[in-house]
Amino acid sequence: MKDRQDTGIGGINEKSLAAWEELYKSYYPALCSYSENLVKRSDIAQDIVQDLLVNVWRSDRLFGTREELTYFLYKAVYNNSLNYLRTRKIQTGILSTMRENTTLDDSPLSDKHFAETVREELLRQLHLHIEKLPPERRRIILLSLEGRGREEIAEILGVSPNTVKAQKTYALKTLRDALKNSAIFSLLLICLLETV
């Protein structure tokens, strides 16, 4: 897995079109969601992320690891989102609202904000691994994430509830194994456990 990530980073550093298409597909939705949480407008968030990716493409910056790339992209989206707010003179209104409605613990740099960032990244990683599951297991996991029970999933797929149980067990084991060495996964588990 590490070799594959390094190859991807190498492709990104070398401006490989295939590597950049994969980068765009895997990071774009999560980065847009993260920016939208800050700027509160989907169209502006998309512009911020697109501009960032174009600027990184044009730059000479090289990344050593996938984690370095991920940190850079999220930090840049955060900074560019704040720059947008500053440029539009919205920052004054937001800061006054924040002062009235939040405490120091709810500031944009707080643990709560960090937890939201980590959650977005884990969901991105989780989605990538779900897409790699065999079709039946993938459908079972996606239906489970929609809140459907074993009986309902069995009815939808035309299989027995025991098949759903077994396939879901295998899928969850595959996902746990795929994500077990991820620092982001560990952090998100902590965040999820604190919010449950």
N, C-alpha and C. Protein backbone atom coordinates (compact mmCIF):
# COMPACT_ATOMS: atom_id res chain seq x y z
N MET A 1 0.83 -1.19 0.00
CA MET A 1 0.00 0.00 0.00
C MET A 1 0.87 1.25 0.00
N LYS A 2 1.95 1.23 0.79
CA LYS A 2 2.85 2.38 0.87
C LYS A 2 3.48 2.66 -0.49
N ASP A 3 3.92 1.59 -1.20
CA ASP A 3 4.52 1.77 -2.52
C ASP A 3 3.52 2.41 -3.48
N ARG A 4 2.27 1.98 -3.39
CA ARG A 4 1.24 2.53 -4.26
C ARG A 4 1.03 4.02 -3.97
N GLN A 5 1.03 4.37 -2.67
CA GLN A 5 0.87 5.78 -2.31
C GLN A 5 2.06 6.60 -2.80
N ASP A 6 3.27 6.06 -2.61
CA ASP A 6 4.46 6.78 -3.05
C ASP A 6 4.45 6.96 -4.56
N THR A 7 3.99 5.93 -5.28
CA THR A 7 3.88 6.04 -6.72
C THR A 7 2.89 7.13 -7.07
N GLY A 8 1.79 7.19 -6.37
CA GLY A 8 0.81 8.26 -6.58
C GLY A 8 1.41 9.62 -6.31
N ILE A 9 2.17 9.74 -5.24
CA ILE A 9 2.82 11.01 -4.91
C ILE A 9 3.83 11.36 -5.99
N GLY A 10 4.57 10.35 -6.45
CA GLY A 10 5.52 10.59 -7.53
C GLY A 10 4.82 11.10 -8.77
N GLY A 11 3.69 10.50 -9.09
CA GLY A 11 2.90 10.95 -10.24
C GLY A 11 2.39 12.37 -10.07
N ILE A 12 1.99 12.69 -8.85
CA ILE A 12 1.52 14.06 -8.57
C ILE A 12 2.68 15.04 -8.71
N ASN A 13 3.84 14.68 -8.16
CA ASN A 13 5.01 15.55 -8.26
C ASN A 13 5.46 15.74 -9.70
N GLU A 14 5.29 14.68 -10.52
CA GLU A 14 5.71 14.74 -11.91
C GLU A 14 4.62 15.26 -12.84
N LYS A 15 3.49 15.66 -12.27
CA LYS A 15 2.35 16.21 -13.02
C LYS A 15 1.74 15.19 -13.97
N SER A 16 1.72 13.93 -13.56
CA SER A 16 1.09 12.87 -14.34
C SER A 16 -0.42 13.12 -14.38
N LEU A 17 -0.98 13.13 -15.56
CA LEU A 17 -2.41 13.39 -15.72
C LEU A 17 -3.25 12.34 -14.98
N ALA A 18 -2.85 11.08 -15.08
CA ALA A 18 -3.60 10.01 -14.39
C ALA A 18 -3.56 10.20 -12.88
N ALA A 19 -2.39 10.53 -12.34
CA ALA A 19 -2.27 10.75 -10.89
C ALA A 19 -3.10 11.95 -10.46
N TRP A 20 -3.13 12.99 -11.27
CA TRP A 20 -3.90 14.18 -10.93
C TRP A 20 -5.40 13.94 -11.06
N GLU A 21 -5.81 13.11 -12.00
CA GLU A 21 -7.23 12.76 -12.09
C GLU A 21 -7.65 12.00 -10.84
N GLU A 22 -6.80 11.09 -10.38
CA GLU A 22 -7.09 10.34 -9.15
C GLU A 22 -7.11 11.27 -7.94
N LEU A 23 -6.16 12.20 -7.88
CA LEU A 23 -6.13 13.18 -6.79
C LEU A 23 -7.43 13.99 -6.78
N TYR A 24 -7.83 14.47 -7.94
CA TYR A 24 -9.04 15.27 -8.04
C TYR A 24 -10.26 14.45 -7.60
N LYS A 25 -10.36 13.21 -8.07
CA LYS A 25 -11.51 12.37 -7.75
C LYS A 25 -11.57 12.05 -6.25
N SER A 26 -10.41 11.84 -5.64
CA SER A 26 -10.43 11.42 -4.24
C SER A 26 -10.46 12.57 -3.24
N TYR A 27 -9.95 13.75 -3.61
CA TYR A 27 -9.91 14.86 -2.65
C TYR A 27 -10.97 15.93 -2.89
N TYR A 28 -11.36 16.16 -4.13
CA TYR A 28 -12.21 17.31 -4.46
C TYR A 28 -13.49 17.39 -3.62
N PRO A 29 -14.31 16.30 -3.52
CA PRO A 29 -15.56 16.42 -2.75
C PRO A 29 -15.32 16.78 -1.27
N ALA A 30 -14.34 16.15 -0.64
CA ALA A 30 -14.08 16.41 0.78
C ALA A 30 -13.56 17.82 0.99
N LEU A 31 -12.68 18.29 0.10
CA LEU A 31 -12.15 19.65 0.23
C LEU A 31 -13.26 20.68 0.03
N CYS A 32 -14.15 20.42 -0.93
CA CYS A 32 -15.28 21.34 -1.15
C CYS A 32 -16.18 21.39 0.08
N SER A 33 -16.45 20.24 0.66
CA SER A 33 -17.28 20.19 1.86
C SER A 33 -16.63 20.96 3.01
N TYR A 34 -15.33 20.77 3.16
CA TYR A 34 -14.58 21.46 4.21
C TYR A 34 -14.64 22.98 4.01
N SER A 35 -14.41 23.43 2.78
CA SER A 35 -14.45 24.86 2.50
C SER A 35 -15.86 25.42 2.68
N GLU A 36 -16.86 24.65 2.25
CA GLU A 36 -18.24 25.10 2.39
C GLU A 36 -18.63 25.29 3.85
N ASN A 37 -18.07 24.47 4.74
CA ASN A 37 -18.32 24.66 6.17
C ASN A 37 -17.81 26.01 6.64
N LEU A 38 -16.79 26.52 5.97
CA LEU A 38 -16.21 27.81 6.37
C LEU A 38 -16.89 28.99 5.68
N VAL A 39 -17.10 28.89 4.35
CA VAL A 39 -17.61 30.04 3.60
C VAL A 39 -19.13 30.03 3.46
N LYS A 40 -19.75 28.89 3.77
CA LYS A 40 -21.21 28.74 3.78
C LYS A 40 -21.84 28.88 2.39
N ARG A 41 -21.05 28.72 1.33
CA ARG A 41 -21.58 28.78 -0.03
C ARG A 41 -20.89 27.72 -0.87
N SER A 42 -21.68 26.82 -1.45
CA SER A 42 -21.15 25.71 -2.23
C SER A 42 -20.37 26.18 -3.45
N ASP A 43 -20.91 27.16 -4.18
CA ASP A 43 -20.25 27.62 -5.41
C ASP A 43 -18.90 28.26 -5.11
N ILE A 44 -18.82 29.02 -4.03
CA ILE A 44 -17.56 29.66 -3.64
C ILE A 44 -16.56 28.59 -3.20
N ALA A 45 -17.03 27.61 -2.43
CA ALA A 45 -16.16 26.53 -1.97
C ALA A 45 -15.57 25.77 -3.15
N GLN A 46 -16.39 25.49 -4.17
CA GLN A 46 -15.88 24.80 -5.36
C GLN A 46 -14.82 25.64 -6.06
N ASP A 47 -15.05 26.94 -6.17
CA ASP A 47 -14.06 27.83 -6.79
C ASP A 47 -12.75 27.83 -6.01
N ILE A 48 -12.84 27.87 -4.69
CA ILE A 48 -11.65 27.89 -3.85
C ILE A 48 -10.83 26.62 -4.07
N VAL A 49 -11.50 25.48 -4.08
CA VAL A 49 -10.80 24.20 -4.24
C VAL A 49 -10.22 24.08 -5.65
N GLN A 50 -10.99 24.46 -6.65
CA GLN A 50 -10.48 24.41 -8.03
C GLN A 50 -9.26 25.31 -8.21
N ASP A 51 -9.34 26.52 -7.68
CA ASP A 51 -8.19 27.43 -7.76
C ASP A 51 -6.97 26.84 -7.07
N LEU A 52 -7.18 26.24 -5.91
CA LEU A 52 -6.06 25.63 -5.18
C LEU A 52 -5.42 24.53 -6.01
N LEU A 53 -6.24 23.63 -6.56
CA LEU A 53 -5.68 22.51 -7.33
C LEU A 53 -4.94 23.00 -8.57
N VAL A 54 -5.46 24.02 -9.23
CA VAL A 54 -4.78 24.60 -10.39
C VAL A 54 -3.45 25.21 -9.96
N ASN A 55 -3.45 25.93 -8.86
CA ASN A 55 -2.21 26.55 -8.37
C ASN A 55 -1.16 25.52 -7.97
N VAL A 56 -1.60 24.43 -7.35
CA VAL A 56 -0.66 23.37 -6.99
C VAL A 56 -0.09 22.73 -8.25
N TRP A 57 -0.96 22.51 -9.24
CA TRP A 57 -0.52 21.95 -10.53
C TRP A 57 0.56 22.84 -11.16
N ARG A 58 0.35 24.13 -11.12
CA ARG A 58 1.28 25.07 -11.75
C ARG A 58 2.56 25.29 -10.94
N SER A 59 2.53 24.96 -9.66
CA SER A 59 3.67 25.23 -8.80
C SER A 59 4.76 24.17 -8.95
N ASP A 60 5.89 24.46 -8.38
CA ASP A 60 7.01 23.51 -8.37
C ASP A 60 7.07 22.72 -7.07
N ARG A 61 6.09 22.88 -6.22
CA ARG A 61 6.09 22.21 -4.92
C ARG A 61 6.04 20.70 -5.08
N LEU A 62 6.86 20.01 -4.29
CA LEU A 62 6.91 18.55 -4.29
C LEU A 62 6.47 18.04 -2.93
N PHE A 63 5.80 16.90 -2.92
CA PHE A 63 5.31 16.30 -1.69
C PHE A 63 6.03 14.98 -1.45
N GLY A 64 6.44 14.76 -0.20
CA GLY A 64 7.16 13.53 0.13
C GLY A 64 6.24 12.36 0.40
N THR A 65 5.07 12.64 0.98
CA THR A 65 4.15 11.57 1.37
C THR A 65 2.72 12.01 1.11
N ARG A 66 1.81 11.04 1.15
CA ARG A 66 0.38 11.32 1.01
C ARG A 66 -0.11 12.18 2.17
N GLU A 67 0.43 11.92 3.38
CA GLU A 67 0.03 12.72 4.55
C GLU A 67 0.44 14.18 4.38
N GLU A 68 1.64 14.42 3.86
CA GLU A 68 2.10 15.79 3.63
C GLU A 68 1.18 16.49 2.63
N LEU A 69 0.80 15.80 1.57
CA LEU A 69 -0.11 16.35 0.57
C LEU A 69 -1.47 16.67 1.21
N THR A 70 -2.01 15.71 1.98
CA THR A 70 -3.31 15.91 2.62
C THR A 70 -3.28 17.11 3.55
N TYR A 71 -2.26 17.19 4.40
CA TYR A 71 -2.14 18.32 5.32
C TYR A 71 -2.07 19.63 4.53
N PHE A 72 -1.26 19.67 3.49
CA PHE A 72 -1.10 20.88 2.69
C PHE A 72 -2.44 21.30 2.08
N LEU A 73 -3.16 20.36 1.48
CA LEU A 73 -4.42 20.70 0.81
C LEU A 73 -5.45 21.25 1.80
N TYR A 74 -5.61 20.58 2.95
CA TYR A 74 -6.59 21.06 3.93
C TYR A 74 -6.18 22.41 4.51
N LYS A 75 -4.91 22.58 4.80
CA LYS A 75 -4.44 23.86 5.34
C LYS A 75 -4.64 24.97 4.31
N ALA A 76 -4.32 24.68 3.04
CA ALA A 76 -4.48 25.68 1.99
C ALA A 76 -5.95 26.03 1.77
N VAL A 77 -6.83 25.03 1.81
CA VAL A 77 -8.27 25.30 1.67
C VAL A 77 -8.75 26.18 2.83
N TYR A 78 -8.29 25.86 4.02
CA TYR A 78 -8.65 26.65 5.19
C TYR A 78 -8.20 28.11 5.00
N ASN A 79 -6.93 28.30 4.66
CA ASN A 79 -6.40 29.65 4.48
C ASN A 79 -7.09 30.38 3.33
N ASN A 80 -7.31 29.70 2.21
CA ASN A 80 -7.96 30.35 1.06
C ASN A 80 -9.41 30.69 1.36
N SER A 81 -10.07 29.86 2.15
CA SER A 81 -11.45 30.16 2.54
C SER A 81 -11.49 31.41 3.42
N LEU A 82 -10.55 31.49 4.36
CA LEU A 82 -10.50 32.70 5.21
C LEU A 82 -10.12 33.93 4.39
N ASN A 83 -9.24 33.77 3.42
CA ASN A 83 -8.89 34.89 2.55
C ASN A 83 -10.09 35.37 1.76
N TYR A 84 -10.91 34.45 1.31
CA TYR A 84 -12.13 34.84 0.61
C TYR A 84 -13.01 35.68 1.52
N LEU A 85 -13.21 35.19 2.75
CA LEU A 85 -14.05 35.93 3.70
C LEU A 85 -13.49 37.31 3.98
N ARG A 86 -12.18 37.39 4.12
CA ARG A 86 -11.52 38.66 4.38
C ARG A 86 -11.70 39.60 3.20
N THR A 87 -11.47 39.10 2.01
CA THR A 87 -11.58 39.92 0.80
C THR A 87 -12.98 40.46 0.62
N ARG A 88 -13.96 39.69 0.93
CA ARG A 88 -15.36 40.09 0.77
C ARG A 88 -15.89 40.90 1.95
N LYS A 89 -15.03 41.19 2.88
CA LYS A 89 -15.40 41.97 4.08
C LYS A 89 -16.53 41.33 4.86
N ILE A 90 -16.59 40.03 4.76
CA ILE A 90 -17.58 39.28 5.52
C ILE A 90 -17.00 38.91 6.88
N GLN A 91 -15.70 38.93 6.98
CA GLN A 91 -15.04 38.47 8.19
C GLN A 91 -15.52 39.23 9.42
N THR A 92 -15.73 40.53 9.28
CA THR A 92 -16.17 41.31 10.43
C THR A 92 -17.49 40.79 10.98
N GLY A 93 -18.44 40.53 10.09
CA GLY A 93 -19.73 40.00 10.52
C GLY A 93 -19.60 38.62 11.14
N ILE A 94 -18.76 37.78 10.56
CA ILE A 94 -18.58 36.43 11.08
C ILE A 94 -17.92 36.47 12.45
N LEU A 95 -16.89 37.30 12.60
CA LEU A 95 -16.20 37.38 13.88
C LEU A 95 -17.13 37.89 14.98
N SER A 96 -17.95 38.88 14.66
CA SER A 96 -18.86 39.39 15.69
C SER A 96 -19.90 38.32 16.04
N THR A 97 -20.38 37.58 15.05
CA THR A 97 -21.32 36.49 15.32
C THR A 97 -20.65 35.41 16.15
N MET A 98 -19.40 35.09 15.81
CA MET A 98 -18.68 34.07 16.57
C MET A 98 -18.48 34.51 18.01
N ARG A 99 -18.15 35.77 18.23
CA ARG A 99 -17.96 36.26 19.60
C ARG A 99 -19.25 36.15 20.41
N GLU A 100 -20.38 36.40 19.76
CA GLU A 100 -21.67 36.34 20.46
C GLU A 100 -22.13 34.90 20.72
N ASN A 101 -21.84 34.01 19.78
CA ASN A 101 -22.43 32.68 19.84
C ASN A 101 -21.49 31.56 20.26
N THR A 102 -20.21 31.85 20.44
CA THR A 102 -19.28 30.77 20.75
C THR A 102 -18.40 31.13 21.92
N THR A 103 -17.75 30.10 22.41
CA THR A 103 -16.74 30.28 23.43
C THR A 103 -15.39 30.03 22.79
N LEU A 104 -14.34 30.18 23.55
CA LEU A 104 -13.00 29.89 23.02
C LEU A 104 -12.90 28.46 22.50
N ASP A 105 -13.61 27.53 23.14
CA ASP A 105 -13.53 26.13 22.73
C ASP A 105 -14.18 25.88 21.38
N ASP A 106 -15.02 26.80 20.89
CA ASP A 106 -15.68 26.62 19.60
C ASP A 106 -15.01 27.42 18.49
N SER A 107 -13.87 28.02 18.74
CA SER A 107 -13.21 28.82 17.71
C SER A 107 -12.81 27.93 16.55
N PRO A 108 -12.56 28.53 15.35
CA PRO A 108 -12.23 27.71 14.19
C PRO A 108 -11.01 26.82 14.40
N LEU A 109 -10.16 27.14 15.34
CA LEU A 109 -8.96 26.34 15.55
C LEU A 109 -9.14 25.36 16.71
N SER A 110 -10.36 25.21 17.19
CA SER A 110 -10.62 24.36 18.35
C SER A 110 -10.60 22.87 18.00
N ASP A 111 -10.70 22.07 19.04
CA ASP A 111 -10.76 20.62 18.86
C ASP A 111 -11.99 20.24 18.04
N LYS A 112 -13.09 20.94 18.25
CA LYS A 112 -14.32 20.63 17.51
C LYS A 112 -14.10 20.84 16.01
N HIS A 113 -13.46 21.93 15.65
CA HIS A 113 -13.20 22.21 14.23
C HIS A 113 -12.23 21.17 13.67
N PHE A 114 -11.22 20.83 14.44
CA PHE A 114 -10.25 19.81 14.01
C PHE A 114 -10.95 18.47 13.81
N ALA A 115 -11.86 18.14 14.73
CA ALA A 115 -12.59 16.88 14.63
C ALA A 115 -13.42 16.83 13.35
N GLU A 116 -14.03 17.96 12.97
CA GLU A 116 -14.79 18.01 11.72
C GLU A 116 -13.88 17.78 10.52
N THR A 117 -12.69 18.36 10.56
CA THR A 117 -11.73 18.18 9.48
C THR A 117 -11.31 16.72 9.37
N VAL A 118 -11.00 16.11 10.50
CA VAL A 118 -10.57 14.72 10.51
C VAL A 118 -11.71 13.82 10.03
N ARG A 119 -12.93 14.11 10.45
CA ARG A 119 -14.08 13.32 10.03
C ARG A 119 -14.24 13.37 8.51
N GLU A 120 -14.10 14.56 7.91
CA GLU A 120 -14.20 14.68 6.45
C GLU A 120 -13.15 13.81 5.77
N GLU A 121 -11.94 13.81 6.30
CA GLU A 121 -10.86 13.03 5.70
C GLU A 121 -11.13 11.54 5.85
N LEU A 122 -11.60 11.10 7.00
CA LEU A 122 -11.89 9.68 7.18
C LEU A 122 -13.01 9.24 6.26
N LEU A 123 -14.03 10.06 6.15
CA LEU A 123 -15.14 9.70 5.27
C LEU A 123 -14.66 9.58 3.83
N ARG A 124 -13.73 10.45 3.44
CA ARG A 124 -13.15 10.37 2.09
C ARG A 124 -12.42 9.04 1.93
N GLN A 125 -11.57 8.71 2.91
CA GLN A 125 -10.82 7.45 2.84
C GLN A 125 -11.76 6.25 2.89
N LEU A 126 -12.74 6.29 3.75
CA LEU A 126 -13.70 5.20 3.88
C LEU A 126 -14.42 4.98 2.55
N HIS A 127 -14.87 6.06 1.93
CA HIS A 127 -15.57 5.97 0.65
C HIS A 127 -14.68 5.34 -0.41
N LEU A 128 -13.41 5.70 -0.44
CA LEU A 128 -12.48 5.11 -1.41
C LEU A 128 -12.37 3.61 -1.21
N HIS A 129 -12.31 3.16 0.04
CA HIS A 129 -12.19 1.73 0.32
C HIS A 129 -13.50 1.00 0.08
N ILE A 130 -14.62 1.63 0.34
CA ILE A 130 -15.92 1.01 0.05
C ILE A 130 -16.04 0.75 -1.45
N GLU A 131 -15.58 1.69 -2.27
CA GLU A 131 -15.65 1.53 -3.72
C GLU A 131 -14.83 0.34 -4.21
N LYS A 132 -13.84 -0.10 -3.44
CA LYS A 132 -12.99 -1.23 -3.83
C LYS A 132 -13.59 -2.58 -3.45
N LEU A 133 -14.66 -2.57 -2.65
CA LEU A 133 -15.29 -3.83 -2.23
C LEU A 133 -15.97 -4.51 -3.43
N PRO A 134 -16.14 -5.83 -3.36
CA PRO A 134 -16.93 -6.52 -4.39
C PRO A 134 -18.34 -5.92 -4.42
N PRO A 135 -19.00 -5.94 -5.59
CA PRO A 135 -20.29 -5.23 -5.76
C PRO A 135 -21.34 -5.55 -4.70
N GLU A 136 -21.56 -6.83 -4.37
CA GLU A 136 -22.61 -7.16 -3.40
C GLU A 136 -22.27 -6.62 -2.01
N ARG A 137 -21.02 -6.76 -1.60
CA ARG A 137 -20.61 -6.23 -0.29
C ARG A 137 -20.71 -4.71 -0.26
N ARG A 138 -20.31 -4.08 -1.36
CA ARG A 138 -20.40 -2.62 -1.45
C ARG A 138 -21.84 -2.17 -1.28
N ARG A 139 -22.78 -2.83 -1.99
CA ARG A 139 -24.20 -2.45 -1.89
C ARG A 139 -24.71 -2.64 -0.47
N ILE A 140 -24.31 -3.73 0.18
CA ILE A 140 -24.76 -3.99 1.56
C ILE A 140 -24.25 -2.90 2.49
N ILE A 141 -23.00 -2.53 2.36
CA ILE A 141 -22.44 -1.48 3.22
C ILE A 141 -23.13 -0.15 2.95
N LEU A 142 -23.32 0.19 1.68
CA LEU A 142 -23.97 1.47 1.35
C LEU A 142 -25.41 1.51 1.86
N LEU A 143 -26.12 0.40 1.72
CA LEU A 143 -27.49 0.35 2.25
C LEU A 143 -27.49 0.43 3.77
N SER A 144 -26.51 -0.18 4.42
CA SER A 144 -26.39 -0.10 5.88
C SER A 144 -26.13 1.34 6.31
N LEU A 145 -25.28 2.03 5.54
CA LEU A 145 -24.99 3.43 5.87
C LEU A 145 -26.22 4.32 5.71
N GLU A 146 -27.16 3.88 4.87
CA GLU A 146 -28.42 4.61 4.72
C GLU A 146 -29.37 4.34 5.88
N GLY A 147 -28.97 3.43 6.78
CA GLY A 147 -29.80 3.13 7.94
C GLY A 147 -30.74 1.95 7.76
N ARG A 148 -30.55 1.20 6.71
CA ARG A 148 -31.42 0.05 6.46
C ARG A 148 -30.96 -1.16 7.27
N GLY A 149 -31.91 -1.93 7.74
CA GLY A 149 -31.63 -3.11 8.54
C GLY A 149 -31.35 -4.33 7.68
N ARG A 150 -30.92 -5.41 8.32
CA ARG A 150 -30.56 -6.64 7.63
C ARG A 150 -31.72 -7.20 6.80
N GLU A 151 -32.91 -7.24 7.39
CA GLU A 151 -34.08 -7.79 6.69
C GLU A 151 -34.41 -6.95 5.45
N GLU A 152 -34.38 -5.65 5.59
CA GLU A 152 -34.71 -4.77 4.47
C GLU A 152 -33.67 -4.90 3.35
N ILE A 153 -32.41 -4.98 3.72
CA ILE A 153 -31.34 -5.14 2.72
C ILE A 153 -31.52 -6.48 2.00
N ALA A 154 -31.82 -7.52 2.75
CA ALA A 154 -32.03 -8.85 2.15
C ALA A 154 -33.16 -8.80 1.13
N GLU A 155 -34.24 -8.11 1.48
CA GLU A 155 -35.39 -7.99 0.58
C GLU A 155 -35.01 -7.21 -0.68
N ILE A 156 -34.30 -6.12 -0.51
CA ILE A 156 -33.89 -5.29 -1.66
C ILE A 156 -33.00 -6.08 -2.62
N LEU A 157 -32.06 -6.83 -2.05
CA LEU A 157 -31.08 -7.56 -2.87
C LEU A 157 -31.56 -8.95 -3.29
N GLY A 158 -32.65 -9.41 -2.70
CA GLY A 158 -33.17 -10.72 -3.06
C GLY A 158 -32.30 -11.86 -2.54
N VAL A 159 -31.74 -11.68 -1.35
CA VAL A 159 -30.92 -12.71 -0.72
C VAL A 159 -31.43 -12.94 0.69
N SER A 160 -30.88 -13.95 1.35
CA SER A 160 -31.32 -14.24 2.72
C SER A 160 -30.67 -13.26 3.70
N PRO A 161 -31.31 -13.04 4.84
CA PRO A 161 -30.71 -12.18 5.87
C PRO A 161 -29.35 -12.71 6.35
N ASN A 162 -29.19 -14.04 6.36
CA ASN A 162 -27.89 -14.60 6.76
C ASN A 162 -26.80 -14.25 5.76
N THR A 163 -27.14 -14.20 4.49
CA THR A 163 -26.17 -13.78 3.46
C THR A 163 -25.77 -12.34 3.69
N VAL A 164 -26.75 -11.50 4.00
CA VAL A 164 -26.45 -10.09 4.28
C VAL A 164 -25.51 -9.99 5.48
N LYS A 165 -25.82 -10.75 6.55
CA LYS A 165 -24.99 -10.72 7.75
C LYS A 165 -23.55 -11.15 7.43
N ALA A 166 -23.41 -12.25 6.70
CA ALA A 166 -22.07 -12.77 6.39
C ALA A 166 -21.30 -11.79 5.50
N GLN A 167 -21.96 -11.28 4.45
CA GLN A 167 -21.28 -10.37 3.52
C GLN A 167 -20.91 -9.05 4.21
N LYS A 168 -21.78 -8.59 5.10
CA LYS A 168 -21.48 -7.36 5.83
C LYS A 168 -20.30 -7.58 6.77
N THR A 169 -20.25 -8.74 7.41
CA THR A 169 -19.12 -9.07 8.30
C THR A 169 -17.81 -9.07 7.52
N TYR A 170 -17.81 -9.72 6.35
CA TYR A 170 -16.60 -9.74 5.52
C TYR A 170 -16.22 -8.34 5.06
N ALA A 171 -17.20 -7.55 4.67
CA ALA A 171 -16.93 -6.18 4.19
C ALA A 171 -16.35 -5.33 5.31
N LEU A 172 -16.91 -5.43 6.50
CA LEU A 172 -16.41 -4.63 7.63
C LEU A 172 -15.00 -5.05 8.01
N LYS A 173 -14.71 -6.34 7.95
CA LYS A 173 -13.35 -6.80 8.24
C LYS A 173 -12.39 -6.24 7.20
N THR A 174 -12.77 -6.27 5.94
CA THR A 174 -11.92 -5.72 4.86
C THR A 174 -11.67 -4.23 5.10
N LEU A 175 -12.71 -3.49 5.45
CA LEU A 175 -12.56 -2.05 5.70
C LEU A 175 -11.68 -1.79 6.91
N ARG A 176 -11.87 -2.55 7.99
CA ARG A 176 -11.03 -2.38 9.19
C ARG A 176 -9.57 -2.66 8.86
N ASP A 177 -9.33 -3.75 8.12
CA ASP A 177 -7.96 -4.10 7.75
C ASP A 177 -7.34 -3.01 6.87
N ALA A 178 -8.12 -2.47 5.95
CA ALA A 178 -7.60 -1.45 5.03
C ALA A 178 -7.27 -0.16 5.77
N LEU A 179 -8.02 0.13 6.82
CA LEU A 179 -7.85 1.41 7.51
C LEU A 179 -7.11 1.30 8.84
N LYS A 180 -6.72 0.10 9.25
CA LYS A 180 -6.16 -0.07 10.60
C LYS A 180 -4.85 0.67 10.82
N ASN A 181 -4.06 0.88 9.80
CA ASN A 181 -2.77 1.57 9.96
C ASN A 181 -2.88 3.07 9.70
N SER A 182 -4.08 3.54 9.49
CA SER A 182 -4.27 4.95 9.18
C SER A 182 -4.37 5.78 10.46
N ALA A 183 -3.48 6.73 10.59
CA ALA A 183 -3.53 7.64 11.74
C ALA A 183 -4.83 8.42 11.71
N ILE A 184 -5.26 8.81 10.52
CA ILE A 184 -6.51 9.56 10.38
C ILE A 184 -7.66 8.71 10.91
N PHE A 185 -7.67 7.41 10.60
CA PHE A 185 -8.72 6.52 11.07
C PHE A 185 -8.76 6.49 12.59
N SER A 186 -7.60 6.37 13.22
CA SER A 186 -7.53 6.35 14.68
C SER A 186 -8.06 7.65 15.26
N LEU A 187 -7.66 8.77 14.69
CA LEU A 187 -8.13 10.07 15.18
C LEU A 187 -9.64 10.19 15.01
N LEU A 188 -10.15 9.73 13.87
CA LEU A 188 -11.58 9.86 13.65
C LEU A 188 -12.37 8.97 14.60
N LEU A 189 -11.86 7.79 14.87
CA LEU A 189 -12.55 6.94 15.84
C LEU A 189 -12.68 7.65 17.18
N ILE A 190 -11.62 8.33 17.59
CA ILE A 190 -11.66 9.09 18.84
C ILE A 190 -12.73 10.17 18.74
N CYS A 191 -12.73 10.89 17.62
CA CYS A 191 -13.71 11.97 17.43
C CYS A 191 -15.13 11.43 17.40
N LEU A 192 -15.34 10.32 16.69
CA LEU A 192 -16.67 9.74 16.62
C LEU A 192 -17.15 9.25 17.98
N LEU A 193 -16.24 8.65 18.73
CA LEU A 193 -16.62 8.14 20.05
C LEU A 193 -16.97 9.28 20.98
N GLU A 194 -16.32 10.44 20.82
CA GLU A 194 -16.62 11.58 21.68
C GLU A 194 -17.95 12.22 21.32
N THR A 195 -18.38 12.10 20.05
CA THR A 195 -19.61 12.76 19.62
C THR A 195 -20.82 11.85 19.71
N VAL A 196 -20.61 10.56 19.98
CA VAL A 196 -21.74 9.62 20.04
C VAL A 196 -22.42 9.70 21.39
